[in-house]
Amino acid sequence: MKALLINGSPNQLGCTYTALSEVERILNENGIQSEILYLGKMPVAGCIACGTCERTGRCAFDDLVNQVAGRLDEFDAIVVGSPVYYAGPSGQLTAFLDRLFYSAGGRMAGKLGASVVSCRRGGATTAFDRLNKYFTISNMPVVSSQYWNQVHGNEPGEVEQDLEGLQTMRTLALNMVWLLKCIEAGRKCGVPAPEYEPNEWTNFIR
C-alpha cells in the first residue's frame, strides 16, 4: 500500500512540509509506503474548460497533472497539504487539484483522502474545508483525526512547538493506516468495491 502526499506550498521544506513529514513518518513506521510530491515554485495553469480531457483522458496542459494522473494506480491514499492564504489553500495547489480531479476524478473512487493545512494564526478551517471538497465529490473516504488537520507557526521551528498540531498529524496517519489495512483485509475476504449507478446530471433551468 502506498500514499501520495502533495506539498502545495511554494516553500519546499517549510511549515506544510513539516506537517506532511509527521504524517509520512507514522505511515512508514506502520508499513505504508509514501511519496511526497512538491509542486515547485512555478505557476500552475488552471482549468480552462476546454473539454480536452473528456475526449482524450488527459489534460490539455501536459505537465505535472498528467504525470500524476498517469501514476494514480500506484496510490491507495492521497494526502494534500497547503499553507493558508487569505483563509484558503494556495492558488497553485487548487489549480493543480482542479485539473487533476476534473481530468482523472473517475479514477479516484475508493482511494482514501485527507488534507492538512498550515497557518500562522487563522483561516485554517476554511482552507481545510475547501480541500476536502475534492474528496467528497469523488467517492473517496475522508480520513479524520482527533482535531481538524492543522498546524500553526510562521516557520518550521514554530510548527515543531505546536504539540497538539503534530499529534493531530500522527493520529491522522494512524487512522489512515488502520483504514488502509481494513480495506486490504476486506479485499482478501472478497468484499467487493461499490458498484455505482450512472451519474444523473440535473441542471436547474427554468
C-alpha atoms as a PDB file:
ATOM      1  CA  MET A   1       0.000   0.000   0.000  1.00  0.00           C
ATOM      2  CA  LYS A   2       1.217   3.472  -0.836  1.00  0.00           C
ATOM      3  CA  ALA A   3       0.196   7.060  -0.118  1.00  0.00           C
ATOM      4  CA  LEU A   4       0.879  10.163  -2.172  1.00  0.00           C
ATOM      5  CA  LEU A   5       1.472  13.296  -0.101  1.00  0.00           C
ATOM      6  CA  ILE A   6       1.210  16.524  -2.098  1.00  0.00           C
ATOM      7  CA  ASN A   7       3.064  19.566  -0.811  1.00  0.00           C
ATOM      8  CA  GLY A   8       1.155  22.554  -2.163  1.00  0.00           C
ATOM      9  CA  SER A   9       3.425  25.165  -0.601  1.00  0.00           C
ATOM     10  CA  PRO A  10       5.991  27.099  -2.654  1.00  0.00           C
ATOM     11  CA  ASN A  11       8.380  26.541   0.276  1.00  0.00           C
ATOM     12  CA  GLN A  12       9.651  23.022  -0.249  1.00  0.00           C
ATOM     13  CA  LEU A  13      10.830  22.443   3.317  1.00  0.00           C
ATOM     14  CA  GLY A  14       8.533  24.864   5.137  1.00  0.00           C
ATOM     15  CA  CYS A  15       5.648  24.503   7.572  1.00  0.00           C
ATOM     16  CA  THR A  16       3.424  22.434   5.277  1.00  0.00           C
ATOM     17  CA  TYR A  17       6.277  20.024   4.647  1.00  0.00           C
ATOM     18  CA  THR A  18       6.836  19.735   8.396  1.00  0.00           C
ATOM     19  CA  ALA A  19       3.225  18.664   8.891  1.00  0.00           C
ATOM     20  CA  LEU A  20       3.306  16.216   5.971  1.00  0.00           C
ATOM     21  CA  SER A  21       6.575  14.747   7.221  1.00  0.00           C
ATOM     22  CA  GLU A  22       4.963  13.894  10.552  1.00  0.00           C
ATOM     23  CA  VAL A  23       2.188  12.085   8.698  1.00  0.00           C
ATOM     24  CA  GLU A  24       4.710  10.315   6.481  1.00  0.00           C
ATOM     25  CA  ARG A  25       6.815   9.150   9.422  1.00  0.00           C
ATOM     26  CA  ILE A  26       3.898   7.362  11.053  1.00  0.00           C
ATOM     27  CA  LEU A  27       2.766   5.849   7.752  1.00  0.00           C
ATOM     28  CA  ASN A  28       6.227   4.451   7.113  1.00  0.00           C
ATOM     29  CA  GLU A  29       6.590   3.118  10.651  1.00  0.00           C
ATOM     30  CA  ASN A  30       3.396   1.152  10.084  1.00  0.00           C
ATOM     31  CA  GLY A  31       4.317  -0.380   6.762  1.00  0.00           C
ATOM     32  CA  ILE A  32       2.707   2.106   4.372  1.00  0.00           C
ATOM     33  CA  GLN A  33       4.961   3.357   1.601  1.00  0.00           C
ATOM     34  CA  SER A  34       4.784   7.051   0.799  1.00  0.00           C
ATOM     35  CA  GLU A  35       5.984   9.734  -1.552  1.00  0.00           C
ATOM     36  CA  ILE A  36       5.957  13.492  -1.019  1.00  0.00           C
ATOM     37  CA  LEU A  37       5.309  15.383  -4.240  1.00  0.00           C
ATOM     38  CA  TYR A  38       6.495  19.002  -4.265  1.00  0.00           C
ATOM     39  CA  LEU A  39       4.688  21.133  -6.830  1.00  0.00           C
ATOM     40  CA  GLY A  40       7.562  23.619  -7.110  1.00  0.00           C
ATOM     41  CA  LYS A  41       7.594  27.398  -7.319  1.00  0.00           C
ATOM     42  CA  MET A  42       6.493  27.905 -10.906  1.00  0.00           C
ATOM     43  CA  PRO A  43       2.884  28.880 -11.737  1.00  0.00           C
ATOM     44  CA  VAL A  44       0.414  26.068 -12.399  1.00  0.00           C
ATOM     45  CA  ALA A  45      -2.184  26.613 -15.116  1.00  0.00           C
ATOM     46  CA  GLY A  46      -5.803  26.494 -14.062  1.00  0.00           C
ATOM     47  CA  CYS A  47      -8.551  24.614 -15.860  1.00  0.00           C
ATOM     48  CA  ILE A  48      -9.759  26.464 -18.972  1.00  0.00           C
ATOM     49  CA  ALA A  49     -12.842  24.258 -19.542  1.00  0.00           C
ATOM     50  CA  CYS A  50     -11.645  23.220 -22.992  1.00  0.00           C
ATOM     51  CA  GLY A  51     -13.004  19.672 -22.733  1.00  0.00           C
ATOM     52  CA  THR A  52      -9.807  18.035 -23.978  1.00  0.00           C
ATOM     53  CA  CYS A  53      -9.681  15.636 -21.022  1.00  0.00           C
ATOM     54  CA  GLU A  54     -13.202  14.406 -21.793  1.00  0.00           C
ATOM     55  CA  ARG A  55     -12.088  13.442 -25.293  1.00  0.00           C
ATOM     56  CA  THR A  56      -8.560  12.169 -24.611  1.00  0.00           C
ATOM     57  CA  GLY A  57      -8.449  11.311 -20.906  1.00  0.00           C
ATOM     58  CA  ARG A  58      -5.563  13.753 -20.452  1.00  0.00           C
ATOM     59  CA  CYS A  59      -5.372  17.422 -19.599  1.00  0.00           C
ATOM     60  CA  ALA A  60      -4.519  19.748 -22.491  1.00  0.00           C
ATOM     61  CA  PHE A  61      -1.645  21.181 -20.416  1.00  0.00           C
ATOM     62  CA  ASP A  62       0.910  18.389 -20.436  1.00  0.00           C
ATOM     63  CA  ASP A  63       2.611  18.996 -17.114  1.00  0.00           C
ATOM     64  CA  LEU A  64       2.752  17.510 -13.618  1.00  0.00           C
ATOM     65  CA  VAL A  65      -1.016  16.968 -13.603  1.00  0.00           C
ATOM     66  CA  ASN A  66      -0.768  14.392 -16.380  1.00  0.00           C
ATOM     67  CA  GLN A  67       2.279  12.809 -14.775  1.00  0.00           C
ATOM     68  CA  VAL A  68       0.417  12.266 -11.518  1.00  0.00           C
ATOM     69  CA  ALA A  69      -2.740  11.126 -13.306  1.00  0.00           C
ATOM     70  CA  GLY A  70      -0.674   8.517 -15.120  1.00  0.00           C
ATOM     71  CA  ARG A  71       0.510   7.118 -11.786  1.00  0.00           C
ATOM     72  CA  LEU A  72      -2.758   7.104  -9.848  1.00  0.00           C
ATOM     73  CA  ASP A  73      -2.991   3.314  -9.807  1.00  0.00           C
ATOM     74  CA  GLU A  74       0.147   3.265  -7.641  1.00  0.00           C
ATOM     75  CA  PHE A  75      -1.545   5.035  -4.762  1.00  0.00           C
ATOM     76  CA  ASP A  76      -4.155   3.896  -2.277  1.00  0.00           C
ATOM     77  CA  ALA A  77      -4.377   7.207  -0.440  1.00  0.00           C
ATOM     78  CA  ILE A  78      -3.806  10.892  -1.176  1.00  0.00           C
ATOM     79  CA  VAL A  79      -2.880  13.484   1.444  1.00  0.00           C
ATOM     80  CA  VAL A  80      -2.982  17.102   0.283  1.00  0.00           C
ATOM     81  CA  GLY A  81      -1.086  19.761   2.222  1.00  0.00           C
ATOM     82  CA  SER A  82      -1.321  23.527   1.825  1.00  0.00           C
ATOM     83  CA  PRO A  83      -0.399  26.767   3.524  1.00  0.00           C
ATOM     84  CA  VAL A  84      -3.298  29.102   4.275  1.00  0.00           C
ATOM     85  CA  TYR A  85      -3.543  32.148   2.002  1.00  0.00           C
ATOM     86  CA  TYR A  86      -6.444  34.520   2.741  1.00  0.00           C
ATOM     87  CA  ALA A  87      -8.294  31.718   4.568  1.00  0.00           C
ATOM     88  CA  GLY A  88      -7.927  29.335   1.609  1.00  0.00           C
ATOM     89  CA  PRO A  89      -5.415  26.919   0.068  1.00  0.00           C
ATOM     90  CA  SER A  90      -2.661  28.168  -2.215  1.00  0.00           C
ATOM     91  CA  GLY A  91      -3.796  29.093  -5.721  1.00  0.00           C
ATOM     92  CA  GLN A  92      -1.067  26.937  -7.183  1.00  0.00           C
ATOM     93  CA  LEU A  93      -2.402  23.870  -5.374  1.00  0.00           C
ATOM     94  CA  THR A  94      -6.058  24.459  -6.203  1.00  0.00           C
ATOM     95  CA  ALA A  95      -5.209  24.945  -9.887  1.00  0.00           C
ATOM     96  CA  PHE A  96      -3.348  21.616  -9.795  1.00  0.00           C
ATOM     97  CA  LEU A  97      -6.168  19.820  -7.995  1.00  0.00           C
ATOM     98  CA  ASP A  98      -8.904  21.338 -10.185  1.00  0.00           C
ATOM     99  CA  ARG A  99      -7.271  19.901 -13.267  1.00  0.00           C
ATOM    100  CA  LEU A 100      -6.233  16.579 -11.707  1.00  0.00           C
ATOM    101  CA  PHE A 101      -9.654  15.808 -10.284  1.00  0.00           C
ATOM    102  CA  TYR A 102     -11.528  17.039 -13.338  1.00  0.00           C
ATOM    103  CA  SER A 103      -9.420  15.052 -15.795  1.00  0.00           C
ATOM    104  CA  ALA A 104      -8.911  11.925 -13.653  1.00  0.00           C
ATOM    105  CA  GLY A 105     -11.613  12.119 -10.989  1.00  0.00           C
ATOM    106  CA  GLY A 106     -13.212   8.906 -12.154  1.00  0.00           C
ATOM    107  CA  ARG A 107     -10.110   7.035 -11.027  1.00  0.00           C
ATOM    108  CA  MET A 108     -10.126   8.457  -7.501  1.00  0.00           C
ATOM    109  CA  ALA A 109     -13.013   6.373  -6.186  1.00  0.00           C
ATOM    110  CA  GLY A 110     -12.070   4.162  -3.254  1.00  0.00           C
ATOM    111  CA  LYS A 111      -8.788   5.884  -2.504  1.00  0.00           C
ATOM    112  CA  LEU A 112      -8.515   7.418   0.945  1.00  0.00           C
ATOM    113  CA  GLY A 113      -8.253  11.195   1.067  1.00  0.00           C
ATOM    114  CA  ALA A 114      -7.031  13.624   3.704  1.00  0.00           C
ATOM    115  CA  SER A 115      -5.939  17.240   3.791  1.00  0.00           C
ATOM    116  CA  VAL A 116      -3.658  19.135   6.151  1.00  0.00           C
ATOM    117  CA  VAL A 117      -3.191  22.892   6.368  1.00  0.00           C
ATOM    118  CA  SER A 118      -0.600  25.155   7.903  1.00  0.00           C
ATOM    119  CA  CYS A 119      -1.245  28.694   9.053  1.00  0.00           C
ATOM    120  CA  ARG A 120       0.398  31.356  11.136  1.00  0.00           C
ATOM    121  CA  ARG A 121      -2.768  32.167  13.062  1.00  0.00           C
ATOM    122  CA  GLY A 122      -6.183  31.954  11.357  1.00  0.00           C
ATOM    123  CA  GLY A 123      -8.104  30.737   8.316  1.00  0.00           C
ATOM    124  CA  ALA A 124      -7.178  27.081   8.723  1.00  0.00           C
ATOM    125  CA  THR A 125     -10.653  25.580   8.867  1.00  0.00           C
ATOM    126  CA  THR A 126     -11.935  27.251   5.712  1.00  0.00           C
ATOM    127  CA  ALA A 127      -8.842  26.126   3.785  1.00  0.00           C
ATOM    128  CA  PHE A 128      -9.294  22.631   5.229  1.00  0.00           C
ATOM    129  CA  ASP A 129     -12.933  22.607   4.146  1.00  0.00           C
ATOM    130  CA  ARG A 130     -12.076  23.657   0.600  1.00  0.00           C
ATOM    131  CA  LEU A 131      -9.547  20.859   0.168  1.00  0.00           C
ATOM    132  CA  ASN A 132     -11.907  18.191   1.470  1.00  0.00           C
ATOM    133  CA  LYS A 133     -14.384  19.095  -1.269  1.00  0.00           C
ATOM    134  CA  TYR A 134     -12.172  17.340  -3.829  1.00  0.00           C
ATOM    135  CA  PHE A 135     -12.515  14.038  -1.968  1.00  0.00           C
ATOM    136  CA  THR A 136     -16.199  14.213  -1.178  1.00  0.00           C
ATOM    137  CA  ILE A 137     -17.202  14.690  -4.813  1.00  0.00           C
ATOM    138  CA  SER A 138     -15.019  11.774  -5.939  1.00  0.00           C
ATOM    139  CA  ASN A 139     -16.256   8.789  -3.872  1.00  0.00           C
ATOM    140  CA  MET A 140     -13.171   8.966  -1.663  1.00  0.00           C
ATOM    141  CA  PRO A 141     -13.478   8.079   2.043  1.00  0.00           C
ATOM    142  CA  VAL A 142     -12.109  11.018   4.036  1.00  0.00           C
ATOM    143  CA  VAL A 143      -9.759  10.194   6.897  1.00  0.00           C
ATOM    144  CA  SER A 144     -10.187  12.268  10.034  1.00  0.00           C
ATOM    145  CA  SER A 145      -8.138  12.882  13.142  1.00  0.00           C
ATOM    146  CA  GLN A 146      -8.685  13.991  16.739  1.00  0.00           C
ATOM    147  CA  TYR A 147      -8.996  17.628  15.614  1.00  0.00           C
ATOM    148  CA  TRP A 148      -9.121  19.456  12.313  1.00  0.00           C
ATOM    149  CA  ASN A 149      -5.881  18.741  10.465  1.00  0.00           C
ATOM    150  CA  GLN A 150      -3.959  21.955  11.053  1.00  0.00           C
ATOM    151  CA  VAL A 151      -0.627  23.099  12.397  1.00  0.00           C
ATOM    152  CA  HIS A 152       0.301  26.607  13.469  1.00  0.00           C
ATOM    153  CA  GLY A 153       3.540  28.505  13.042  1.00  0.00           C
ATOM    154  CA  ASN A 154       5.293  31.024  10.860  1.00  0.00           C
ATOM    155  CA  GLU A 155       8.311  28.799  10.253  1.00  0.00           C
ATOM    156  CA  PRO A 156       9.086  25.077  10.675  1.00  0.00           C
ATOM    157  CA  GLY A 157      10.654  25.586  14.096  1.00  0.00           C
ATOM    158  CA  GLU A 158       7.418  27.079  15.372  1.00  0.00           C
ATOM    159  CA  VAL A 159       5.374  24.223  13.893  1.00  0.00           C
ATOM    160  CA  GLU A 160       7.590  21.810  15.812  1.00  0.00           C
ATOM    161  CA  GLN A 161       6.440  23.567  19.004  1.00  0.00           C
ATOM    162  CA  ASP A 162       2.766  23.015  18.118  1.00  0.00           C
ATOM    163  CA  LEU A 163       2.493  19.780  20.064  1.00  0.00           C
ATOM    164  CA  GLU A 164      -1.242  19.412  19.541  1.00  0.00           C
ATOM    165  CA  GLY A 165      -0.938  20.054  15.817  1.00  0.00           C
ATOM    166  CA  LEU A 166       1.782  17.451  15.396  1.00  0.00           C
ATOM    167  CA  GLN A 167      -0.194  14.963  17.474  1.00  0.00           C
ATOM    168  CA  THR A 168      -3.154  15.602  15.173  1.00  0.00           C
ATOM    169  CA  MET A 169      -0.918  14.699  12.213  1.00  0.00           C
ATOM    170  CA  ARG A 170       0.164  11.469  13.906  1.00  0.00           C
ATOM    171  CA  THR A 171      -3.401  10.494  14.764  1.00  0.00           C
ATOM    172  CA  LEU A 172      -4.423  11.204  11.173  1.00  0.00           C
ATOM    173  CA  ALA A 173      -1.688   8.889   9.939  1.00  0.00           C
ATOM    174  CA  LEU A 174      -2.666   6.130  12.387  1.00  0.00           C
ATOM    175  CA  ASN A 175      -6.292   6.331  11.240  1.00  0.00           C
ATOM    176  CA  MET A 176      -5.158   6.165   7.622  1.00  0.00           C
ATOM    177  CA  VAL A 177      -3.013   3.101   8.339  1.00  0.00           C
ATOM    178  CA  TRP A 178      -5.934   1.398  10.058  1.00  0.00           C
ATOM    179  CA  LEU A 179      -8.363   2.111   7.229  1.00  0.00           C
ATOM    180  CA  LEU A 180      -5.910   1.056   4.531  1.00  0.00           C
ATOM    181  CA  LYS A 181      -5.342  -2.252   6.306  1.00  0.00           C
ATOM    182  CA  CYS A 182      -9.086  -2.727   6.802  1.00  0.00           C
ATOM    183  CA  ILE A 183      -9.671  -2.191   3.087  1.00  0.00           C
ATOM    184  CA  GLU A 184      -6.874  -4.605   2.235  1.00  0.00           C
ATOM    185  CA  ALA A 185      -8.332  -7.228   4.593  1.00  0.00           C
ATOM    186  CA  GLY A 186     -11.752  -6.739   3.047  1.00  0.00           C
ATOM    187  CA  ARG A 187     -10.392  -7.309  -0.439  1.00  0.00           C
ATOM    188  CA  LYS A 188      -8.696 -10.519   0.682  1.00  0.00           C
ATOM    189  CA  CYS A 189     -12.023 -11.693   2.119  1.00  0.00           C
ATOM    190  CA  GLY A 190     -13.812 -10.981  -1.144  1.00  0.00           C
ATOM    191  CA  VAL A 191     -15.636  -7.791  -0.157  1.00  0.00           C
ATOM    192  CA  PRO A 192     -16.345  -6.052  -3.489  1.00  0.00           C
ATOM    193  CA  ALA A 193     -15.977  -2.350  -4.157  1.00  0.00           C
ATOM    194  CA  PRO A 194     -19.277  -0.461  -4.564  1.00  0.00           C
ATOM    195  CA  GLU A 195     -20.942  -0.567  -7.966  1.00  0.00           C
ATOM    196  CA  TYR A 196     -22.173   2.935  -8.717  1.00  0.00           C
ATOM    197  CA  GLU A 197     -25.158   3.998 -10.757  1.00  0.00           C
ATOM    198  CA  PRO A 198     -24.538   6.098 -13.856  1.00  0.00           C
ATOM    199  CA  ASN A 199     -24.416   9.794 -12.974  1.00  0.00           C
ATOM    200  CA  GLU A 200     -27.674  11.702 -13.159  1.00  0.00           C
ATOM    201  CA  TRP A 201     -26.794  15.216 -14.344  1.00  0.00           C
ATOM    202  CA  THR A 202     -29.591  17.569 -13.303  1.00  0.00           C
ATOM    203  CA  ASN A 203     -29.338  21.171 -14.478  1.00  0.00           C
ATOM    204  CA  PHE A 204     -31.739  23.599 -12.835  1.00  0.00           C
ATOM    205  CA  ILE A 205     -33.124  25.575 -15.766  1.00  0.00           C
ATOM    206  CA  ARG A 206     -36.438  27.427 -15.725  1.00  0.00           C
END
